[in-house]
All heavy atoms as atom14 arrays in JSON, in Angstrom:
{
  "sequence": "DGEAGVIYGAYTALVYITPVLGGYLADRWLGQRKAVLYGAVILTFG",
  "atom14_mask": [
    [1, 1, 1, 1, 1, 1, 1, 1, 0, 0, 0, 0, 0, 0],
    [1, 1, 1, 1, 0, 0, 0, 0, 0, 0, 0, 0, 0, 0],
    [1, 1, 1, 1, 1, 1, 1, 1, 1, 0, 0, 0, 0, 0],
    [1, 1, 1, 1, 1, 0, 0, 0, 0, 0, 0, 0, 0, 0],
    [1, 1, 1, 1, 0, 0, 0, 0, 0, 0, 0, 0, 0, 0],
    [1, 1, 1, 1, 1, 1, 1, 0, 0, 0, 0, 0, 0, 0],
    [1, 1, 1, 1, 1, 1, 1, 1, 0, 0, 0, 0, 0, 0],
    [1, 1, 1, 1, 1, 1, 1, 1, 1, 1, 1, 1, 0, 0],
    [1, 1, 1, 1, 0, 0, 0, 0, 0, 0, 0, 0, 0, 0],
    [1, 1, 1, 1, 1, 0, 0, 0, 0, 0, 0, 0, 0, 0],
    [1, 1, 1, 1, 1, 1, 1, 1, 1, 1, 1, 1, 0, 0],
    [1, 1, 1, 1, 1, 1, 1, 0, 0, 0, 0, 0, 0, 0],
    [1, 1, 1, 1, 1, 0, 0, 0, 0, 0, 0, 0, 0, 0],
    [1, 1, 1, 1, 1, 1, 1, 1, 0, 0, 0, 0, 0, 0],
    [1, 1, 1, 1, 1, 1, 1, 0, 0, 0, 0, 0, 0, 0],
    [1, 1, 1, 1, 1, 1, 1, 1, 1, 1, 1, 1, 0, 0],
    [1, 1, 1, 1, 1, 1, 1, 1, 0, 0, 0, 0, 0, 0],
    [1, 1, 1, 1, 1, 1, 1, 0, 0, 0, 0, 0, 0, 0],
    [1, 1, 1, 1, 1, 1, 1, 0, 0, 0, 0, 0, 0, 0],
    [1, 1, 1, 1, 1, 1, 1, 0, 0, 0, 0, 0, 0, 0],
    [1, 1, 1, 1, 1, 1, 1, 1, 0, 0, 0, 0, 0, 0],
    [1, 1, 1, 1, 0, 0, 0, 0, 0, 0, 0, 0, 0, 0],
    [1, 1, 1, 1, 0, 0, 0, 0, 0, 0, 0, 0, 0, 0],
    [1, 1, 1, 1, 1, 1, 1, 1, 1, 1, 1, 1, 0, 0],
    [1, 1, 1, 1, 1, 1, 1, 1, 0, 0, 0, 0, 0, 0],
    [1, 1, 1, 1, 1, 0, 0, 0, 0, 0, 0, 0, 0, 0],
    [1, 1, 1, 1, 1, 1, 1, 1, 0, 0, 0, 0, 0, 0],
    [1, 1, 1, 1, 1, 1, 1, 1, 1, 1, 1, 0, 0, 0],
    [1, 1, 1, 1, 1, 1, 1, 1, 1, 1, 1, 1, 1, 1],
    [1, 1, 1, 1, 1, 1, 1, 1, 0, 0, 0, 0, 0, 0],
    [1, 1, 1, 1, 0, 0, 0, 0, 0, 0, 0, 0, 0, 0],
    [1, 1, 1, 1, 1, 1, 1, 1, 1, 0, 0, 0, 0, 0],
    [1, 1, 1, 1, 1, 1, 1, 1, 1, 1, 1, 0, 0, 0],
    [1, 1, 1, 1, 1, 1, 1, 1, 1, 0, 0, 0, 0, 0],
    [1, 1, 1, 1, 1, 0, 0, 0, 0, 0, 0, 0, 0, 0],
    [1, 1, 1, 1, 1, 1, 1, 0, 0, 0, 0, 0, 0, 0],
    [1, 1, 1, 1, 1, 1, 1, 1, 0, 0, 0, 0, 0, 0],
    [1, 1, 1, 1, 1, 1, 1, 1, 1, 1, 1, 1, 0, 0],
    [1, 1, 1, 1, 0, 0, 0, 0, 0, 0, 0, 0, 0, 0],
    [1, 1, 1, 1, 1, 0, 0, 0, 0, 0, 0, 0, 0, 0],
    [1, 1, 1, 1, 1, 1, 1, 0, 0, 0, 0, 0, 0, 0],
    [1, 1, 1, 1, 1, 1, 1, 1, 0, 0, 0, 0, 0, 0],
    [1, 1, 1, 1, 1, 1, 1, 1, 0, 0, 0, 0, 0, 0],
    [1, 1, 1, 1, 1, 1, 1, 0, 0, 0, 0, 0, 0, 0],
    [1, 1, 1, 1, 1, 1, 1, 1, 1, 1, 1, 0, 0, 0],
    [1, 1, 1, 1, 0, 0, 0, 0, 0, 0, 0, 0, 0, 0]
  ],
  "atom14_positions": [
    [[8.26, 13.81, -13.61], [7.36, 14.94, -13.87], [6.88, 14.92, -15.32], [5.69, 15.16, -15.6], [8.06, 16.26, -13.58], [8.28, 16.5, -12.11], [7.93, 15.61, -11.31], [8.82, 17.56, -11.76], [0.0, 0.0, 0.0], [0.0, 0.0, 0.0], [0.0, 0.0, 0.0], [0.0, 0.0, 0.0], [0.0, 0.0, 0.0], [0.0, 0.0, 0.0]],
    [[7.81, 14.68, -16.25], [7.44, 14.68, -17.66], [6.47, 13.58, -18.01], [5.49, 13.8, -18.72], [0.0, 0.0, 0.0], [0.0, 0.0, 0.0], [0.0, 0.0, 0.0], [0.0, 0.0, 0.0], [0.0, 0.0, 0.0], [0.0, 0.0, 0.0], [0.0, 0.0, 0.0], [0.0, 0.0, 0.0], [0.0, 0.0, 0.0], [0.0, 0.0, 0.0]],
    [[6.73, 12.37, -17.52], [5.83, 11.25, -17.78], [4.45, 11.52, -17.18], [3.42, 11.28, -17.82], [6.4, 9.97, -17.18], [7.66, 9.45, -17.89], [8.32, 8.31, -17.11], [8.19, 8.29, -15.86], [8.96, 7.47, -17.75], [0.0, 0.0, 0.0], [0.0, 0.0, 0.0], [0.0, 0.0, 0.0], [0.0, 0.0, 0.0], [0.0, 0.0, 0.0]],
    [[4.43, 12.01, -15.95], [3.16, 12.3, -15.28], [2.38, 13.37, -16.03], [1.16, 13.28, -16.16], [3.41, 12.73, -13.84], [0.0, 0.0, 0.0], [0.0, 0.0, 0.0], [0.0, 0.0, 0.0], [0.0, 0.0, 0.0], [0.0, 0.0, 0.0], [0.0, 0.0, 0.0], [0.0, 0.0, 0.0], [0.0, 0.0, 0.0], [0.0, 0.0, 0.0]],
    [[3.09, 14.37, -16.53], [2.43, 15.45, -17.25], [1.72, 14.95, -18.5], [0.6, 15.35, -18.81], [0.0, 0.0, 0.0], [0.0, 0.0, 0.0], [0.0, 0.0, 0.0], [0.0, 0.0, 0.0], [0.0, 0.0, 0.0], [0.0, 0.0, 0.0], [0.0, 0.0, 0.0], [0.0, 0.0, 0.0], [0.0, 0.0, 0.0], [0.0, 0.0, 0.0]],
    [[2.39, 14.07, -19.25], [1.8, 13.55, -20.48], [0.64, 12.61, -20.16], [-0.39, 12.61, -20.86], [2.87, 12.84, -21.32], [2.25, 12.18, -22.54], [3.93, 13.84, -21.77], [0.0, 0.0, 0.0], [0.0, 0.0, 0.0], [0.0, 0.0, 0.0], [0.0, 0.0, 0.0], [0.0, 0.0, 0.0], [0.0, 0.0, 0.0], [0.0, 0.0, 0.0]],
    [[0.77, 11.79, -19.11], [-0.34, 10.92, -18.7], [-1.56, 11.77, -18.32], [-2.69, 11.49, -18.74], [0.08, 10.03, -17.52], [1.14, 9.02, -17.96], [-1.14, 9.29, -16.93], [1.81, 8.3, -16.8], [0.0, 0.0, 0.0], [0.0, 0.0, 0.0], [0.0, 0.0, 0.0], [0.0, 0.0, 0.0], [0.0, 0.0, 0.0], [0.0, 0.0, 0.0]],
    [[-1.32, 12.8, -17.54], [-2.39, 13.71, -17.12], [-3.05, 14.34, -18.35], [-4.27, 14.42, -18.45], [-1.83, 14.78, -16.2], [-2.84, 15.76, -15.67], [-3.42, 15.6, -14.42], [-3.22, 16.86, -16.43], [-4.35, 16.51, -13.94], [-4.15, 17.77, -15.97], [-4.71, 17.59, -14.72], [-5.63, 18.49, -14.26], [0.0, 0.0, 0.0], [0.0, 0.0, 0.0]],
    [[-2.22, 14.79, -19.31], [-2.77, 15.42, -20.52], [-3.59, 14.46, -21.35], [-4.65, 14.82, -21.87], [0.0, 0.0, 0.0], [0.0, 0.0, 0.0], [0.0, 0.0, 0.0], [0.0, 0.0, 0.0], [0.0, 0.0, 0.0], [0.0, 0.0, 0.0], [0.0, 0.0, 0.0], [0.0, 0.0, 0.0], [0.0, 0.0, 0.0], [0.0, 0.0, 0.0]],
    [[-3.12, 13.21, -21.48], [-3.87, 12.21, -22.24], [-5.2, 11.89, -21.56], [-6.24, 11.74, -22.21], [-3.03, 10.94, -22.39], [0.0, 0.0, 0.0], [0.0, 0.0, 0.0], [0.0, 0.0, 0.0], [0.0, 0.0, 0.0], [0.0, 0.0, 0.0], [0.0, 0.0, 0.0], [0.0, 0.0, 0.0], [0.0, 0.0, 0.0], [0.0, 0.0, 0.0]],
    [[-5.16, 11.79, -20.23], [-6.38, 11.51, -19.46], [-7.42, 12.61, -19.68], [-8.59, 12.33, -20.01], [-6.03, 11.38, -17.98], [-7.21, 11.5, -17.05], [-8.14, 10.48, -16.94], [-7.4, 12.64, -16.28], [-9.24, 10.59, -16.1], [-8.48, 12.77, -15.43], [-9.4, 11.74, -15.34], [-10.47, 11.88, -14.51], [0.0, 0.0, 0.0], [0.0, 0.0, 0.0]],
    [[-7.04, 13.88, -19.5], [-8.01, 14.97, -19.64], [-8.47, 15.11, -21.09], [-9.62, 15.48, -21.35], [-7.43, 16.29, -19.13], [-6.16, 16.56, -19.76], [-7.23, 16.27, -17.63], [0.0, 0.0, 0.0], [0.0, 0.0, 0.0], [0.0, 0.0, 0.0], [0.0, 0.0, 0.0], [0.0, 0.0, 0.0], [0.0, 0.0, 0.0], [0.0, 0.0, 0.0]],
    [[-7.59, 14.81, -22.05], [-8.01, 14.84, -23.46], [-9.09, 13.8, -23.72], [-10.09, 14.09, -24.39], [-6.8, 14.61, -24.37], [0.0, 0.0, 0.0], [0.0, 0.0, 0.0], [0.0, 0.0, 0.0], [0.0, 0.0, 0.0], [0.0, 0.0, 0.0], [0.0, 0.0, 0.0], [0.0, 0.0, 0.0], [0.0, 0.0, 0.0], [0.0, 0.0, 0.0]],
    [[-8.91, 12.6, -23.19], [-9.9, 11.54, -23.39], [-11.22, 11.88, -22.71], [-12.3, 11.51, -23.21], [-9.36, 10.21, -22.87], [-8.23, 9.58, -23.71], [-7.59, 8.42, -22.97], [-8.76, 9.14, -25.06], [0.0, 0.0, 0.0], [0.0, 0.0, 0.0], [0.0, 0.0, 0.0], [0.0, 0.0, 0.0], [0.0, 0.0, 0.0], [0.0, 0.0, 0.0]],
    [[-11.17, 12.6, -21.59], [-12.4, 13.04, -20.92], [-13.22, 13.94, -21.84], [-14.44, 13.95, -21.79], [-12.06, 13.76, -19.59], [-13.25, 14.55, -19.07], [-11.61, 12.74, -18.54], [0.0, 0.0, 0.0], [0.0, 0.0, 0.0], [0.0, 0.0, 0.0], [0.0, 0.0, 0.0], [0.0, 0.0, 0.0], [0.0, 0.0, 0.0], [0.0, 0.0, 0.0]],
    [[-12.54, 14.7, -22.72], [-13.25, 15.56, -23.66], [-13.79, 14.8, -24.86], [-14.73, 15.24, -25.51], [-12.31, 16.67, -24.16], [-12.33, 17.9, -23.31], [-11.45, 18.05, -22.25], [-13.23, 18.93, -23.56], [-11.46, 19.17, -21.46], [-13.25, 20.07, -22.78], [-12.36, 20.18, -21.72], [-12.38, 21.3, -20.95], [0.0, 0.0, 0.0], [0.0, 0.0, 0.0]],
    [[-13.17, 13.67, -25.19], [-13.55, 12.94, -26.4], [-14.73, 12.0, -26.16], [-15.63, 11.87, -27.0], [-12.34, 12.16, -26.95], [-11.26, 13.14, -27.42], [-12.76, 11.24, -28.1], [-9.96, 12.47, -27.79], [0.0, 0.0, 0.0], [0.0, 0.0, 0.0], [0.0, 0.0, 0.0], [0.0, 0.0, 0.0], [0.0, 0.0, 0.0], [0.0, 0.0, 0.0]],
    [[-14.76, 11.32, -25.01], [-15.8, 10.31, -24.77], [-17.23, 10.84, -24.74], [-18.16, 10.07, -25.03], [-15.52, 9.53, -23.47], [-15.31, 10.46, -22.39], [-14.31, 8.64, -23.61], [0.0, 0.0, 0.0], [0.0, 0.0, 0.0], [0.0, 0.0, 0.0], [0.0, 0.0, 0.0], [0.0, 0.0, 0.0], [0.0, 0.0, 0.0], [0.0, 0.0, 0.0]],
    [[-17.49, 12.13, -24.42], [-18.88, 12.59, -24.51], [-19.48, 12.48, -25.91], [-20.7, 12.44, -26.05], [-18.77, 14.06, -24.07], [-17.62, 14.09, -23.13], [-16.64, 13.12, -23.73], [0.0, 0.0, 0.0], [0.0, 0.0, 0.0], [0.0, 0.0, 0.0], [0.0, 0.0, 0.0], [0.0, 0.0, 0.0], [0.0, 0.0, 0.0], [0.0, 0.0, 0.0]],
    [[-18.63, 12.41, -26.93], [-19.16, 12.2, -28.28], [-19.87, 10.85, -28.35], [-20.97, 10.73, -28.89], [-18.01, 12.26, -29.32], [-18.54, 11.94, -30.71], [-17.35, 13.63, -29.29], [0.0, 0.0, 0.0], [0.0, 0.0, 0.0], [0.0, 0.0, 0.0], [0.0, 0.0, 0.0], [0.0, 0.0, 0.0], [0.0, 0.0, 0.0], [0.0, 0.0, 0.0]],
    [[-19.25, 9.81, -27.76], [-19.85, 8.48, -27.73], [-21.09, 8.47, -26.85], [-22.16, 7.99, -27.27], [-18.84, 7.46, -27.22], [-19.37, 6.04, -26.97], [-19.8, 5.4, -28.28], [-18.33, 5.19, -26.26], [0.0, 0.0, 0.0], [0.0, 0.0, 0.0], [0.0, 0.0, 0.0], [0.0, 0.0, 0.0], [0.0, 0.0, 0.0], [0.0, 0.0, 0.0]],
    [[-20.97, 9.0, -25.63], [-22.1, 8.99, -24.71], [-23.29, 9.77, -25.23], [-24.44, 9.34, -25.09], [0.0, 0.0, 0.0], [0.0, 0.0, 0.0], [0.0, 0.0, 0.0], [0.0, 0.0, 0.0], [0.0, 0.0, 0.0], [0.0, 0.0, 0.0], [0.0, 0.0, 0.0], [0.0, 0.0, 0.0], [0.0, 0.0, 0.0], [0.0, 0.0, 0.0]],
    [[-23.04, 10.91, -25.85], [-24.12, 11.73, -26.41], [-24.8, 11.05, -27.59], [-26.03, 11.06, -27.71], [0.0, 0.0, 0.0], [0.0, 0.0, 0.0], [0.0, 0.0, 0.0], [0.0, 0.0, 0.0], [0.0, 0.0, 0.0], [0.0, 0.0, 0.0], [0.0, 0.0, 0.0], [0.0, 0.0, 0.0], [0.0, 0.0, 0.0], [0.0, 0.0, 0.0]],
    [[-24.0, 10.41, -28.44], [-24.55, 9.75, -29.62], [-25.44, 8.57, -29.23], [-26.57, 8.42, -29.73], [-23.41, 9.27, -30.53], [-23.89, 8.52, -31.75], [-24.41, 9.2, -32.85], [-23.82, 7.13, -31.8], [-24.85, 8.52, -33.97], [-24.27, 6.43, -32.93], [-24.78, 7.14, -34.0], [-25.23, 6.45, -35.1], [0.0, 0.0, 0.0], [0.0, 0.0, 0.0]],
    [[-24.96, 7.71, -28.32], [-25.74, 6.54, -27.91], [-27.04, 6.96, -27.22], [-28.09, 6.32, -27.4], [-24.91, 5.65, -26.98], [-23.67, 4.98, -27.59], [-22.97, 4.12, -26.56], [-24.05, 4.16, -28.81], [0.0, 0.0, 0.0], [0.0, 0.0, 0.0], [0.0, 0.0, 0.0], [0.0, 0.0, 0.0], [0.0, 0.0, 0.0], [0.0, 0.0, 0.0]],
    [[-26.98, 8.04, -26.43], [-28.18, 8.51, -25.74], [-29.19, 9.09, -26.72], [-30.4, 8.81, -26.64], [-27.81, 9.55, -24.69], [0.0, 0.0, 0.0], [0.0, 0.0, 0.0], [0.0, 0.0, 0.0], [0.0, 0.0, 0.0], [0.0, 0.0, 0.0], [0.0, 0.0, 0.0], [0.0, 0.0, 0.0], [0.0, 0.0, 0.0], [0.0, 0.0, 0.0]],
    [[-28.73, 9.91, -27.66], [-29.63, 10.54, -28.63], [-30.28, 9.49, -29.53], [-31.46, 9.61, -29.88], [-28.85, 11.53, -29.5], [-28.47, 12.79, -28.74], [-29.07, 13.04, -27.69], [-27.57, 13.51, -29.21], [0.0, 0.0, 0.0], [0.0, 0.0, 0.0], [0.0, 0.0, 0.0], [0.0, 0.0, 0.0], [0.0, 0.0, 0.0], [0.0, 0.0, 0.0]],
    [[-29.53, 8.47, -29.89], [-30.01, 7.51, -30.88], [-30.87, 6.42, -30.24], [-31.9, 6.03, -30.81], [-28.78, 6.88, -31.57], [-29.13, 6.05, -32.8], [-29.51, 6.93, -33.97], [-29.93, 6.12, -35.1], [-29.11, 5.67, -36.05], [-27.82, 5.96, -35.97], [-29.56, 4.97, -37.04], [0.0, 0.0, 0.0], [0.0, 0.0, 0.0], [0.0, 0.0, 0.0]],
    [[-30.46, 5.89, -29.09], [-31.15, 4.72, -28.54], [-31.43, 4.79, -27.04], [-32.56, 4.53, -26.61], [-30.31, 3.45, -28.79], [-30.1, 3.12, -30.22], [-31.04, 2.72, -31.13], [-28.85, 3.19, -30.92], [-30.46, 2.51, -32.35], [-29.12, 2.79, -32.26], [-27.55, 3.54, -30.57], [-28.11, 2.74, -33.23], [-26.54, 3.48, -31.52], [-26.83, 3.09, -32.84]],
    [[-30.42, 5.12, -26.25], [-30.48, 4.87, -24.81], [-31.32, 5.88, -24.04], [-31.95, 5.55, -23.03], [-29.05, 4.83, -24.26], [-28.82, 4.18, -22.9], [-29.34, 2.75, -22.87], [-27.31, 4.19, -22.57], [0.0, 0.0, 0.0], [0.0, 0.0, 0.0], [0.0, 0.0, 0.0], [0.0, 0.0, 0.0], [0.0, 0.0, 0.0], [0.0, 0.0, 0.0]],
    [[-31.38, 7.11, -24.51], [-32.04, 8.18, -23.75], [-31.08, 8.74, -22.72], [-30.19, 8.04, -22.21], [0.0, 0.0, 0.0], [0.0, 0.0, 0.0], [0.0, 0.0, 0.0], [0.0, 0.0, 0.0], [0.0, 0.0, 0.0], [0.0, 0.0, 0.0], [0.0, 0.0, 0.0], [0.0, 0.0, 0.0], [0.0, 0.0, 0.0], [0.0, 0.0, 0.0]],
    [[-31.29, 10.0, -22.37], [-30.34, 10.67, -21.46], [-30.37, 10.11, -20.05], [-29.33, 9.98, -19.4], [-30.63, 12.18, -21.42], [-30.21, 12.94, -22.66], [-31.19, 12.78, -23.8], [-32.38, 12.54, -23.58], [-30.71, 12.88, -25.03], [0.0, 0.0, 0.0], [0.0, 0.0, 0.0], [0.0, 0.0, 0.0], [0.0, 0.0, 0.0], [0.0, 0.0, 0.0]],
    [[-31.57, 9.74, -19.54], [-31.63, 9.3, -18.14], [-30.86, 8.01, -17.92], [-30.08, 7.89, -16.98], [-33.09, 9.13, -17.68], [-33.19, 8.84, -16.18], [-34.6, 8.41, -15.79], [-35.0, 7.16, -16.44], [-34.61, 5.95, -16.02], [-33.81, 5.81, -14.98], [-35.03, 4.86, -16.66], [0.0, 0.0, 0.0], [0.0, 0.0, 0.0], [0.0, 0.0, 0.0]],
    [[-31.07, 7.02, -18.78], [-30.36, 5.75, -18.64], [-28.85, 5.94, -18.86], [-28.03, 5.29, -18.19], [-30.9, 4.71, -19.62], [-32.28, 4.18, -19.28], [-32.74, 3.14, -20.29], [-34.13, 2.62, -19.96], [-34.15, 1.78, -18.74], [0.0, 0.0, 0.0], [0.0, 0.0, 0.0], [0.0, 0.0, 0.0], [0.0, 0.0, 0.0], [0.0, 0.0, 0.0]],
    [[-28.49, 6.84, -19.77], [-27.08, 7.1, -20.01], [-26.42, 7.73, -18.79], [-25.3, 7.36, -18.4], [-26.9, 8.01, -21.23], [0.0, 0.0, 0.0], [0.0, 0.0, 0.0], [0.0, 0.0, 0.0], [0.0, 0.0, 0.0], [0.0, 0.0, 0.0], [0.0, 0.0, 0.0], [0.0, 0.0, 0.0], [0.0, 0.0, 0.0], [0.0, 0.0, 0.0]],
    [[-27.11, 8.68, -18.17], [-26.58, 9.31, -16.95], [-26.46, 8.29, -15.83], [-25.45, 8.24, -15.12], [-27.49, 10.49, -16.51], [-27.1, 10.98, -15.12], [-27.39, 11.63, -17.52], [0.0, 0.0, 0.0], [0.0, 0.0, 0.0], [0.0, 0.0, 0.0], [0.0, 0.0, 0.0], [0.0, 0.0, 0.0], [0.0, 0.0, 0.0], [0.0, 0.0, 0.0]],
    [[-27.48, 7.44, -15.68], [-27.45, 6.42, -14.64], [-26.28, 5.46, -14.85], [-25.52, 5.13, -13.92], [-28.77, 5.65, -14.62], [-28.91, 4.56, -13.55], [-28.8, 5.16, -12.15], [-30.23, 3.84, -13.72], [0.0, 0.0, 0.0], [0.0, 0.0, 0.0], [0.0, 0.0, 0.0], [0.0, 0.0, 0.0], [0.0, 0.0, 0.0], [0.0, 0.0, 0.0]],
    [[-26.11, 5.02, -16.09], [-25.01, 4.1, -16.4], [-23.65, 4.79, -16.15], [-22.74, 4.19, -15.55], [-25.12, 3.66, -17.85], [-24.02, 2.72, -18.31], [-23.85, 1.48, -17.7], [-23.17, 3.06, -19.35], [-22.86, 0.61, -18.11], [-22.17, 2.2, -19.77], [-22.02, 0.97, -19.15], [-21.02, 0.12, -19.57], [0.0, 0.0, 0.0], [0.0, 0.0, 0.0]],
    [[-23.54, 6.03, -16.6], [-22.31, 6.77, -16.37], [-22.01, 6.92, -14.9], [-20.85, 6.8, -14.46], [0.0, 0.0, 0.0], [0.0, 0.0, 0.0], [0.0, 0.0, 0.0], [0.0, 0.0, 0.0], [0.0, 0.0, 0.0], [0.0, 0.0, 0.0], [0.0, 0.0, 0.0], [0.0, 0.0, 0.0], [0.0, 0.0, 0.0], [0.0, 0.0, 0.0]],
    [[-23.04, 7.19, -14.1], [-22.85, 7.36, -12.66], [-22.38, 6.06, -11.99], [-21.53, 6.09, -11.1], [-24.14, 7.85, -12.01], [0.0, 0.0, 0.0], [0.0, 0.0, 0.0], [0.0, 0.0, 0.0], [0.0, 0.0, 0.0], [0.0, 0.0, 0.0], [0.0, 0.0, 0.0], [0.0, 0.0, 0.0], [0.0, 0.0, 0.0], [0.0, 0.0, 0.0]],
    [[-22.93, 4.94, -12.45], [-22.53, 3.65, -11.87], [-21.06, 3.36, -12.13], [-20.3, 3.0, -11.22], [-23.41, 2.51, -12.44], [-22.83, 1.15, -12.05], [-24.84, 2.63, -11.9], [0.0, 0.0, 0.0], [0.0, 0.0, 0.0], [0.0, 0.0, 0.0], [0.0, 0.0, 0.0], [0.0, 0.0, 0.0], [0.0, 0.0, 0.0], [0.0, 0.0, 0.0]],
    [[-20.62, 3.52, -13.38], [-19.23, 3.17, -13.68], [-18.27, 4.25, -13.16], [-17.11, 3.95, -12.84], [-19.0, 2.88, -15.18], [-19.33, 4.08, -16.05], [-19.8, 1.68, -15.61], [-19.02, 3.81, -17.53], [0.0, 0.0, 0.0], [0.0, 0.0, 0.0], [0.0, 0.0, 0.0], [0.0, 0.0, 0.0], [0.0, 0.0, 0.0], [0.0, 0.0, 0.0]],
    [[-18.75, 5.49, -13.02], [-17.94, 6.51, -12.36], [-17.7, 6.17, -10.9], [-16.58, 6.3, -10.38], [-18.63, 7.88, -12.46], [-18.27, 8.76, -13.66], [-19.24, 9.94, -13.73], [-16.84, 9.25, -13.57], [0.0, 0.0, 0.0], [0.0, 0.0, 0.0], [0.0, 0.0, 0.0], [0.0, 0.0, 0.0], [0.0, 0.0, 0.0], [0.0, 0.0, 0.0]],
    [[-18.76, 5.76, -10.22], [-18.63, 5.38, -8.81], [-17.62, 4.25, -8.65], [-16.74, 4.29, -7.78], [-20.0, 4.95, -8.24], [-20.94, 6.02, -8.4], [-19.89, 4.59, -6.77], [0.0, 0.0, 0.0], [0.0, 0.0, 0.0], [0.0, 0.0, 0.0], [0.0, 0.0, 0.0], [0.0, 0.0, 0.0], [0.0, 0.0, 0.0], [0.0, 0.0, 0.0]],
    [[-17.73, 3.26, -9.53], [-16.79, 2.14, -9.48], [-15.37, 2.62, -9.73], [-14.43, 2.23, -9.03], [-17.2, 1.09, -10.52], [-16.36, -0.15, -10.48], [-16.52, -1.08, -9.46], [-15.41, -0.4, -11.45], [-15.73, -2.23, -9.4], [-14.63, -1.54, -11.42], [-14.8, -2.46, -10.39], [0.0, 0.0, 0.0], [0.0, 0.0, 0.0], [0.0, 0.0, 0.0]],
    [[-15.2, 3.49, -10.72], [-13.87, 4.0, -11.05], [-13.25, 4.79, -9.93], [-12.05, 4.63, -9.62], [0.0, 0.0, 0.0], [0.0, 0.0, 0.0], [0.0, 0.0, 0.0], [0.0, 0.0, 0.0], [0.0, 0.0, 0.0], [0.0, 0.0, 0.0], [0.0, 0.0, 0.0], [0.0, 0.0, 0.0], [0.0, 0.0, 0.0], [0.0, 0.0, 0.0]]
  ]
}
């Protein structure tokens, strides 16, 4: 239970951190539509 709890916490924490990267790349170069499409593709795979 303890190990699972910490893994779960680390996972959800990282979910909050990665939008900084996705938002920055979209604002600077990629654009929101391509970023959403790319995110959807790798989400589906995951």
